[in-house]
């Protein structure tokens, strides 16, 4: 039985599916839920005339605030207790480390997150936050794949 569920949200379709799964489990188990959004501050420097990195940061902060409002409203509508947490990462922070630390601090007994299902070169270059969380977490991790809820592909004729 799960009593404290942390769900990582990032605004992606996969993250929305993970959040929906977290809502359902929180209702079923009468659990407290904590949606968790990280404002990433990776390399925001590009040597291009007129580029302003503060606009990217501002849009990520705004996205986090919008997601927090939506998550809080969805939780309230389903009668789920909990609070949305938004944090800002520094350039040296690893997002997966922040998520696992947040789950520990929240005393979560389940971590839910989406996985984008990248393969090959994309996975090599971009890495996988979900995979790193899975490797470092000391609690159960439920990964919702990018294809979850998608209609099945029809085979080519």
Protein backbone atom coordinates (compact mmCIF):
# COMPACT_ATOMS: atom_id res chain seq x y z
CA UNK A 1 0.00 0.00 0.00
CA UNK A 2 1.34 3.40 -0.96
CA UNK A 3 0.82 6.34 1.40
CA UNK A 4 3.18 8.97 -0.08
CA UNK A 5 3.64 9.30 -3.84
CA UNK A 6 6.06 11.66 -5.56
CA UNK A 7 5.47 12.21 -9.28
CA UNK A 8 7.95 14.03 -11.51
CA UNK A 9 6.25 16.39 -13.95
CA UNK A 10 7.78 18.30 -16.84
CA UNK A 11 4.92 19.32 -19.13
CA UNK A 12 5.46 16.53 -21.67
CA UNK A 13 2.72 14.16 -22.84
CA UNK A 14 4.53 11.32 -21.08
CA UNK A 15 4.64 13.34 -17.87
CA UNK A 16 0.88 13.94 -18.16
CA UNK A 17 0.37 10.17 -18.36
CA UNK A 18 2.56 9.65 -15.29
CA UNK A 19 0.61 12.33 -13.40
CA UNK A 20 -2.70 10.66 -14.34
CA UNK A 21 -1.38 7.32 -13.06
CA UNK A 22 -0.25 9.00 -9.83
CA UNK A 23 -3.70 10.54 -9.37
CA UNK A 24 -5.39 7.16 -9.80
CA UNK A 25 -3.02 5.44 -7.36
CA UNK A 26 -3.36 8.25 -4.82
CA UNK A 27 -7.14 7.91 -4.90
CA UNK A 28 -7.00 4.11 -4.66
CA UNK A 29 -4.53 4.12 -1.77
CA UNK A 30 -5.73 7.36 -0.12
CA UNK A 31 -2.17 8.59 -0.48
CA UNK A 32 -0.65 12.02 -0.13
CA UNK A 33 0.87 13.14 -3.42
CA UNK A 34 3.68 15.51 -4.29
CA UNK A 35 4.06 16.56 -7.94
CA UNK A 36 7.64 17.75 -8.45
CA UNK A 37 8.84 20.08 -11.23
CA UNK A 38 12.47 21.05 -11.84
CA UNK A 39 13.32 24.28 -13.63
CA UNK A 40 16.45 23.19 -15.44
CA UNK A 41 19.18 25.75 -15.87
CA UNK A 42 21.50 23.84 -18.14
CA UNK A 43 23.87 25.71 -20.39
CA UNK A 44 22.00 28.84 -21.30
CA UNK A 45 24.78 30.45 -23.21
CA UNK A 46 24.85 30.49 -26.96
CA UNK A 47 27.20 32.78 -28.82
CA UNK A 48 24.55 34.28 -31.07
CA UNK A 49 23.97 38.02 -31.36
CA UNK A 50 20.72 39.01 -29.71
CA UNK A 51 20.24 35.77 -27.78
CA UNK A 52 18.90 36.40 -24.28
CA UNK A 53 19.10 33.31 -22.02
CA UNK A 54 16.85 34.94 -19.42
CA UNK A 55 13.84 34.53 -21.75
CA UNK A 56 14.33 30.74 -21.79
CA UNK A 57 14.64 30.66 -18.01
CA UNK A 58 11.54 32.83 -17.62
CA UNK A 59 9.51 30.54 -19.87
CA UNK A 60 10.60 27.48 -17.85
CA UNK A 61 9.59 29.21 -14.60
CA UNK A 62 6.23 30.17 -16.12
CA UNK A 63 5.70 26.62 -17.35
CA UNK A 64 6.43 25.33 -13.84
CA UNK A 65 3.93 27.75 -12.30
CA UNK A 66 1.25 26.75 -14.81
CA UNK A 67 1.90 23.05 -14.23
CA UNK A 68 1.76 23.58 -10.48
CA UNK A 69 -1.65 25.28 -10.75
CA UNK A 70 -2.99 22.53 -13.02
CA UNK A 71 -1.66 19.77 -10.77
CA UNK A 72 -3.06 21.40 -7.62
CA UNK A 73 -6.47 21.82 -9.28
CA UNK A 74 -6.51 18.18 -10.46
CA UNK A 75 -5.54 16.95 -6.99
CA UNK A 76 -8.20 19.11 -5.33
CA UNK A 77 -10.85 17.85 -7.77
CA UNK A 78 -10.03 14.23 -6.85
CA UNK A 79 -9.74 14.93 -3.10
CA UNK A 80 -6.02 14.18 -2.95
CA UNK A 81 -3.92 15.81 -0.25
CA UNK A 82 -0.49 17.15 -1.03
CA UNK A 83 1.47 20.06 -2.36
CA UNK A 84 3.17 20.74 -5.68
CA UNK A 85 6.88 21.53 -5.38
CA UNK A 86 8.87 23.49 -7.95
CA UNK A 87 12.64 23.83 -7.63
CA UNK A 88 15.29 25.55 -9.70
CA UNK A 89 18.34 23.50 -10.58
CA UNK A 90 21.73 25.06 -10.79
CA UNK A 91 23.99 24.38 -13.77
CA UNK A 92 25.85 21.75 -11.71
CA UNK A 93 22.71 19.92 -10.50
CA UNK A 94 21.71 16.58 -11.95
CA UNK A 95 17.91 16.48 -12.31
CA UNK A 96 17.71 12.80 -11.41
CA UNK A 97 19.62 13.45 -8.18
CA UNK A 98 17.20 16.25 -7.29
CA UNK A 99 14.19 14.01 -7.94
CA UNK A 100 15.53 11.11 -5.86
CA UNK A 101 16.50 13.51 -3.03
CA UNK A 102 13.00 15.03 -3.14
CA UNK A 103 11.44 11.57 -2.90
CA UNK A 104 13.64 10.84 0.11
CA UNK A 105 12.83 14.18 1.77
CA UNK A 106 9.10 13.58 1.18
CA UNK A 107 9.44 10.05 2.62
CA UNK A 108 7.77 8.79 -0.54
CA UNK A 109 7.13 5.10 -0.83
CA UNK A 110 6.60 5.34 -4.60
CA UNK A 111 8.18 7.51 -7.29
CA UNK A 112 6.28 7.83 -10.57
CA UNK A 113 7.67 9.35 -13.74
CA UNK A 114 7.37 9.13 -17.47
CA UNK A 115 10.05 7.83 -19.78
CA UNK A 116 10.37 9.11 -23.30
CA UNK A 117 11.70 5.84 -24.70
CA UNK A 118 14.65 7.32 -26.55
CA UNK A 119 16.97 4.86 -28.22
CA UNK A 120 20.34 4.84 -29.88
CA UNK A 121 22.07 8.13 -30.51
CA UNK A 122 19.34 10.26 -28.88
CA UNK A 123 19.62 8.27 -25.64
CA UNK A 124 23.41 8.41 -25.76
CA UNK A 125 23.44 12.20 -26.18
CA UNK A 126 20.42 13.18 -24.09
CA UNK A 127 20.66 10.47 -21.46
CA UNK A 128 17.69 9.35 -19.44
CA UNK A 129 16.62 11.07 -16.25
CA UNK A 130 14.17 8.24 -15.60
CA UNK A 131 16.89 5.60 -15.98
CA UNK A 132 19.22 7.44 -13.60
CA UNK A 133 16.40 7.79 -11.05
CA UNK A 134 15.63 4.09 -11.34
CA UNK A 135 19.29 3.22 -10.72
CA UNK A 136 19.73 5.51 -7.70
CA UNK A 137 16.35 5.41 -5.95
CA UNK A 138 15.93 3.46 -2.75
CA UNK A 139 12.17 3.11 -3.25
CA UNK A 140 9.94 1.58 -5.91
CA UNK A 141 9.85 3.53 -9.19
CA UNK A 142 6.93 3.26 -11.58
CA UNK A 143 7.94 4.29 -15.11
CA UNK A 144 5.17 5.18 -17.53
CA UNK A 145 6.44 4.65 -21.10
CA UNK A 146 5.90 7.21 -23.83
CA UNK A 147 3.65 4.79 -25.70
CA UNK A 148 1.32 4.25 -22.71
CA UNK A 149 -2.22 4.99 -23.73
CA UNK A 150 -1.28 5.43 -27.39
CA UNK A 151 -3.31 3.51 -29.95
CA UNK A 152 -1.53 0.39 -31.21
CA UNK A 153 0.34 0.75 -34.46
CA UNK A 154 -1.11 -1.12 -37.42
CA UNK A 155 1.35 -3.27 -39.32
CA UNK A 156 2.33 -2.06 -42.75
CA UNK A 157 0.73 -4.00 -45.59
